[in-house]
Amino acid sequence: MATGPKNAKSQSVTARIAHELIEGMEQVKTSGESTGQFISAAMQAEIKRRLRKQAREEPKG
């Protein structure tokens, strides 16, 4: 059981999200998928996308 916003495995964050984005997320979440699971998957995908973009933009020495 978590005792605060941060423990050994995870960290809780708070963010304001536009209503349109929340509605869109609810429309596409899979059956049984939690909001936390959806956001975690979206963050993982975005991190990978940005790292690939960053690697492409680095000058080749």
PDB file of N, CA and C in Angstrom:
ATOM      1  N   MET A   1       0.837  -1.174   0.000  1.00  0.00           N
ATOM      2  CA  MET A   1       0.000   0.000   0.000  1.00  0.00           C
ATOM      3  C   MET A   1       0.888   1.246   0.000  1.00  0.00           C
ATOM      4  N   ALA A   2       0.606   2.173  -0.876  1.00  0.00           N
ATOM      5  CA  ALA A   2       1.395   3.400  -0.978  1.00  0.00           C
ATOM      6  C   ALA A   2       1.154   4.275   0.243  1.00  0.00           C
ATOM      7  N   THR A   3       2.221   4.857   0.759  1.00  0.00           N
ATOM      8  CA  THR A   3       2.097   5.704   1.943  1.00  0.00           C
ATOM      9  C   THR A   3       2.256   7.177   1.611  1.00  0.00           C
ATOM     10  N   GLY A   4       2.506   7.498   0.380  1.00  0.00           N
ATOM     11  CA  GLY A   4       2.683   8.888  -0.018  1.00  0.00           C
ATOM     12  C   GLY A   4       2.725   8.990  -1.516  1.00  0.00           C
ATOM     13  N   PRO A   5       3.040  10.172  -2.040  1.00  0.00           N
ATOM     14  CA  PRO A   5       3.041  10.356  -3.492  1.00  0.00           C
ATOM     15  C   PRO A   5       4.182   9.646  -4.217  1.00  0.00           C
ATOM     16  N   LYS A   6       5.182   9.145  -3.473  1.00  0.00           N
ATOM     17  CA  LYS A   6       6.316   8.485  -4.109  1.00  0.00           C
ATOM     18  C   LYS A   6       6.727   7.279  -3.280  1.00  0.00           C
ATOM     19  N   ASN A   7       6.935   6.148  -3.957  1.00  0.00           N
ATOM     20  CA  ASN A   7       7.457   4.972  -3.269  1.00  0.00           C
ATOM     21  C   ASN A   7       8.527   4.336  -4.134  1.00  0.00           C
ATOM     22  N   ALA A   8       8.938   3.118  -3.833  1.00  0.00           N
ATOM     23  CA  ALA A   8      10.039   2.480  -4.552  1.00  0.00           C
ATOM     24  C   ALA A   8       9.704   2.171  -6.005  1.00  0.00           C
ATOM     25  N   LYS A   9       8.422   2.017  -6.335  1.00  0.00           N
ATOM     26  CA  LYS A   9       8.052   1.602  -7.692  1.00  0.00           C
ATOM     27  C   LYS A   9       7.369   2.679  -8.525  1.00  0.00           C
ATOM     28  N   SER A  10       6.781   3.669  -7.906  1.00  0.00           N
ATOM     29  CA  SER A  10       6.022   4.646  -8.688  1.00  0.00           C
ATOM     30  C   SER A  10       5.959   5.992  -7.992  1.00  0.00           C
ATOM     31  N   GLN A  11       5.446   6.961  -8.736  1.00  0.00           N
ATOM     32  CA  GLN A  11       5.275   8.309  -8.208  1.00  0.00           C
ATOM     33  C   GLN A  11       3.943   8.843  -8.690  1.00  0.00           C
ATOM     34  N   SER A  12       3.217   9.466  -7.819  1.00  0.00           N
ATOM     35  CA  SER A  12       1.927  10.057  -8.162  1.00  0.00           C
ATOM     36  C   SER A  12       2.156  11.486  -8.638  1.00  0.00           C
ATOM     37  N   VAL A  13       1.505  11.868  -9.731  1.00  0.00           N
ATOM     38  CA  VAL A  13       1.586  13.236 -10.239  1.00  0.00           C
ATOM     39  C   VAL A  13       0.176  13.769 -10.454  1.00  0.00           C
ATOM     40  N   THR A  14       0.052  15.069 -10.421  1.00  0.00           N
ATOM     41  CA  THR A  14      -1.236  15.711 -10.647  1.00  0.00           C
ATOM     42  C   THR A  14      -1.077  16.678 -11.805  1.00  0.00           C
ATOM     43  N   ALA A  15      -2.033  16.641 -12.727  1.00  0.00           N
ATOM     44  CA  ALA A  15      -1.979  17.544 -13.875  1.00  0.00           C
ATOM     45  C   ALA A  15      -3.395  17.923 -14.292  1.00  0.00           C
ATOM     46  N   ARG A  16      -3.546  19.113 -14.793  1.00  0.00           N
ATOM     47  CA  ARG A  16      -4.838  19.538 -15.350  1.00  0.00           C
ATOM     48  C   ARG A  16      -4.848  19.137 -16.818  1.00  0.00           C
ATOM     49  N   ILE A  17      -5.925  18.481 -17.229  1.00  0.00           N
ATOM     50  CA  ILE A  17      -6.054  17.997 -18.597  1.00  0.00           C
ATOM     51  C   ILE A  17      -7.339  18.570 -19.188  1.00  0.00           C
ATOM     52  N   ALA A  18      -7.261  19.024 -20.427  1.00  0.00           N
ATOM     53  CA  ALA A  18      -8.436  19.588 -21.090  1.00  0.00           C
ATOM     54  C   ALA A  18      -9.550  18.551 -21.183  1.00  0.00           C
ATOM     55  N   HIS A  19     -10.785  19.001 -21.028  1.00  0.00           N
ATOM     56  CA  HIS A  19     -11.940  18.110 -21.070  1.00  0.00           C
ATOM     57  C   HIS A  19     -11.992  17.274 -22.349  1.00  0.00           C
ATOM     58  N   GLU A  20     -11.621  17.891 -23.483  1.00  0.00           N
ATOM     59  CA  GLU A  20     -11.663  17.173 -24.758  1.00  0.00           C
ATOM     60  C   GLU A  20     -10.721  15.966 -24.744  1.00  0.00           C
ATOM     61  N   LEU A  21      -9.547  16.138 -24.123  1.00  0.00           N
ATOM     62  CA  LEU A  21      -8.587  15.034 -24.063  1.00  0.00           C
ATOM     63  C   LEU A  21      -9.087  13.917 -23.156  1.00  0.00           C
ATOM     64  N   ILE A  22      -9.687  14.282 -22.041  1.00  0.00           N
ATOM     65  CA  ILE A  22     -10.237  13.270 -21.135  1.00  0.00           C
ATOM     66  C   ILE A  22     -11.350  12.495 -21.829  1.00  0.00           C
ATOM     67  N   GLU A  23     -12.227  13.196 -22.532  1.00  0.00           N
ATOM     68  CA  GLU A  23     -13.318  12.535 -23.254  1.00  0.00           C
ATOM     69  C   GLU A  23     -12.764  11.610 -24.325  1.00  0.00           C
ATOM     70  N   GLY A  24     -11.743  12.059 -25.056  1.00  0.00           N
ATOM     71  CA  GLY A  24     -11.125  11.217 -26.079  1.00  0.00           C
ATOM     72  C   GLY A  24     -10.488   9.982 -25.481  1.00  0.00           C
ATOM     73  N   MET A  25      -9.817  10.141 -24.349  1.00  0.00           N
ATOM     74  CA  MET A  25      -9.198   9.005 -23.679  1.00  0.00           C
ATOM     75  C   MET A  25     -10.264   7.991 -23.267  1.00  0.00           C
ATOM     76  N   GLU A  26     -11.358   8.465 -22.697  1.00  0.00           N
ATOM     77  CA  GLU A  26     -12.423   7.563 -22.261  1.00  0.00           C
ATOM     78  C   GLU A  26     -13.023   6.798 -23.441  1.00  0.00           C
ATOM     79  N   GLN A  27     -13.058   7.427 -24.600  1.00  0.00           N
ATOM     80  CA  GLN A  27     -13.611   6.784 -25.798  1.00  0.00           C
ATOM     81  C   GLN A  27     -12.724   5.655 -26.299  1.00  0.00           C
ATOM     82  N   VAL A  28     -11.415   5.764 -26.116  1.00  0.00           N
ATOM     83  CA  VAL A  28     -10.506   4.780 -26.712  1.00  0.00           C
ATOM     84  C   VAL A  28      -9.877   3.809 -25.723  1.00  0.00           C
ATOM     85  N   LYS A  29     -10.068   4.027 -24.420  1.00  0.00           N
ATOM     86  CA  LYS A  29      -9.521   3.080 -23.443  1.00  0.00           C
ATOM     87  C   LYS A  29     -10.133   1.703 -23.685  1.00  0.00           C
ATOM     88  N   THR A  30      -9.311   0.670 -23.519  1.00  0.00           N
ATOM     89  CA  THR A  30      -9.817  -0.690 -23.694  1.00  0.00           C
ATOM     90  C   THR A  30     -10.580  -1.127 -22.448  1.00  0.00           C
ATOM     91  N   SER A  31     -11.381  -2.145 -22.599  1.00  0.00           N
ATOM     92  CA  SER A  31     -12.175  -2.675 -21.494  1.00  0.00           C
ATOM     93  C   SER A  31     -11.245  -3.114 -20.363  1.00  0.00           C
ATOM     94  N   GLY A  32     -11.486  -2.630 -19.174  1.00  0.00           N
ATOM     95  CA  GLY A  32     -10.682  -3.001 -18.023  1.00  0.00           C
ATOM     96  C   GLY A  32      -9.415  -2.189 -17.846  1.00  0.00           C
ATOM     97  N   GLU A  33      -9.103  -1.311 -18.785  1.00  0.00           N
ATOM     98  CA  GLU A  33      -7.895  -0.486 -18.684  1.00  0.00           C
ATOM     99  C   GLU A  33      -8.169   0.711 -17.765  1.00  0.00           C
ATOM    100  N   SER A  34      -7.288   0.928 -16.815  1.00  0.00           N
ATOM    101  CA  SER A  34      -7.455   2.072 -15.918  1.00  0.00           C
ATOM    102  C   SER A  34      -6.889   3.332 -16.573  1.00  0.00           C
ATOM    103  N   THR A  35      -7.272   4.457 -16.022  1.00  0.00           N
ATOM    104  CA  THR A  35      -6.733   5.724 -16.505  1.00  0.00           C
ATOM    105  C   THR A  35      -5.219   5.749 -16.326  1.00  0.00           C
ATOM    106  N   GLY A  36      -4.734   5.250 -15.207  1.00  0.00           N
ATOM    107  CA  GLY A  36      -3.292   5.200 -14.959  1.00  0.00           C
ATOM    108  C   GLY A  36      -2.569   4.349 -15.979  1.00  0.00           C
ATOM    109  N   GLN A  37      -3.146   3.204 -16.339  1.00  0.00           N
ATOM    110  CA  GLN A  37      -2.539   2.334 -17.351  1.00  0.00           C
ATOM    111  C   GLN A  37      -2.503   3.033 -18.702  1.00  0.00           C
ATOM    112  N   PHE A  38      -3.588   3.704 -19.061  1.00  0.00           N
ATOM    113  CA  PHE A  38      -3.643   4.430 -20.334  1.00  0.00           C
ATOM    114  C   PHE A  38      -2.577   5.520 -20.375  1.00  0.00           C
ATOM    115  N   ILE A  39      -2.496   6.316 -19.313  1.00  0.00           N
ATOM    116  CA  ILE A  39      -1.531   7.413 -19.280  1.00  0.00           C
ATOM    117  C   ILE A  39      -0.109   6.882 -19.292  1.00  0.00           C
ATOM    118  N   SER A  40       0.154   5.801 -18.564  1.00  0.00           N
ATOM    119  CA  SER A  40       1.498   5.213 -18.556  1.00  0.00           C
ATOM    120  C   SER A  40       1.890   4.732 -19.947  1.00  0.00           C
ATOM    121  N   ALA A  41       0.976   4.061 -20.639  1.00  0.00           N
ATOM    122  CA  ALA A  41       1.259   3.580 -21.994  1.00  0.00           C
ATOM    123  C   ALA A  41       1.490   4.748 -22.950  1.00  0.00           C
ATOM    124  N   ALA A  42       0.692   5.807 -22.809  1.00  0.00           N
ATOM    125  CA  ALA A  42       0.849   6.981 -23.664  1.00  0.00           C
ATOM    126  C   ALA A  42       2.196   7.659 -23.406  1.00  0.00           C
ATOM    127  N   MET A  43       2.592   7.740 -22.157  1.00  0.00           N
ATOM    128  CA  MET A  43       3.879   8.351 -21.819  1.00  0.00           C
ATOM    129  C   MET A  43       5.036   7.517 -22.359  1.00  0.00           C
ATOM    130  N   GLN A  44       4.950   6.195 -22.241  1.00  0.00           N
ATOM    131  CA  GLN A  44       6.000   5.325 -22.775  1.00  0.00           C
ATOM    132  C   GLN A  44       6.146   5.514 -24.278  1.00  0.00           C
ATOM    133  N   ALA A  45       5.035   5.565 -24.988  1.00  0.00           N
ATOM    134  CA  ALA A  45       5.064   5.743 -26.438  1.00  0.00           C
ATOM    135  C   ALA A  45       5.660   7.099 -26.810  1.00  0.00           C
ATOM    136  N   GLU A  46       5.290   8.137 -26.078  1.00  0.00           N
ATOM    137  CA  GLU A  46       5.799   9.480 -26.378  1.00  0.00           C
ATOM    138  C   GLU A  46       7.295   9.590 -26.075  1.00  0.00           C
ATOM    139  N   ILE A  47       7.755   8.968 -25.003  1.00  0.00           N
ATOM    140  CA  ILE A  47       9.181   8.972 -24.681  1.00  0.00           C
ATOM    141  C   ILE A  47       9.966   8.295 -25.800  1.00  0.00           C
ATOM    142  N   LYS A  48       9.506   7.135 -26.260  1.00  0.00           N
ATOM    143  CA  LYS A  48      10.182   6.426 -27.348  1.00  0.00           C
ATOM    144  C   LYS A  48      10.202   7.273 -28.618  1.00  0.00           C
ATOM    145  N   ARG A  49       9.061   7.903 -28.941  1.00  0.00           N
ATOM    146  CA  ARG A  49       8.971   8.739 -30.138  1.00  0.00           C
ATOM    147  C   ARG A  49       9.967   9.891 -30.077  1.00  0.00           C
ATOM    148  N   ARG A  50      10.037  10.541 -28.935  1.00  0.00           N
ATOM    149  CA  ARG A  50      10.946  11.685 -28.808  1.00  0.00           C
ATOM    150  C   ARG A  50      12.405  11.262 -28.829  1.00  0.00           C
ATOM    151  N   LEU A  51      12.721  10.116 -28.246  1.00  0.00           N
ATOM    152  CA  LEU A  51      14.102   9.628 -28.285  1.00  0.00           C
ATOM    153  C   LEU A  51      14.514   9.285 -29.714  1.00  0.00           C
ATOM    154  N   ARG A  52      13.604   8.675 -30.484  1.00  0.00           N
ATOM    155  CA  ARG A  52      13.912   8.383 -31.893  1.00  0.00           C
ATOM    156  C   ARG A  52      14.113   9.668 -32.668  1.00  0.00           C
ATOM    157  N   LYS A  53      13.262  10.661 -32.438  1.00  0.00           N
ATOM    158  CA  LYS A  53      13.382  11.952 -33.119  1.00  0.00           C
ATOM    159  C   LYS A  53      14.698  12.621 -32.752  1.00  0.00           C
ATOM    160  N   GLN A  54      15.038  12.584 -31.474  1.00  0.00           N
ATOM    161  CA  GLN A  54      16.289  13.182 -31.002  1.00  0.00           C
ATOM    162  C   GLN A  54      17.498  12.507 -31.649  1.00  0.00           C
ATOM    163  N   ALA A  55      17.466  11.193 -31.765  1.00  0.00           N
ATOM    164  CA  ALA A  55      18.576  10.456 -32.374  1.00  0.00           C
ATOM    165  C   ALA A  55      18.726  10.821 -33.854  1.00  0.00           C
ATOM    166  N   ARG A  56      17.611  11.015 -34.553  1.00  0.00           N
ATOM    167  CA  ARG A  56      17.660  11.411 -35.975  1.00  0.00           C
ATOM    168  C   ARG A  56      18.217  12.805 -36.144  1.00  0.00           C
ATOM    169  N   GLU A  57      17.948  13.691 -35.192  1.00  0.00           N
ATOM    170  CA  GLU A  57      18.359  15.091 -35.329  1.00  0.00           C
ATOM    171  C   GLU A  57      19.794  15.332 -34.894  1.00  0.00           C
ATOM    172  N   GLU A  58      20.415  14.388 -34.184  1.00  0.00           N
ATOM    173  CA  GLU A  58      21.796  14.580 -33.744  1.00  0.00           C
ATOM    174  C   GLU A  58      22.727  14.561 -34.945  1.00  0.00           C
ATOM    175  N   PRO A  59      23.663  15.513 -34.991  1.00  0.00           N
ATOM    176  CA  PRO A  59      24.594  15.538 -36.138  1.00  0.00           C
ATOM    177  C   PRO A  59      25.475  14.297 -36.144  1.00  0.00           C
ATOM    178  N   LYS A  60      25.667  13.791 -37.327  1.00  0.00           N
ATOM    179  CA  LYS A  60      26.516  12.609 -37.502  1.00  0.00           C
ATOM    180  C   LYS A  60      27.968  13.100 -37.622  1.00  0.00           C
ATOM    181  N   GLY A  61      28.820  12.709 -36.659  1.00  0.00           N
ATOM    182  CA  GLY A  61      30.185  13.200 -36.587  1.00  0.00           C
ATOM    183  C   GLY A  61      31.074  12.522 -37.498  1.00  0.00           C
TER     184      GLY A  61
END
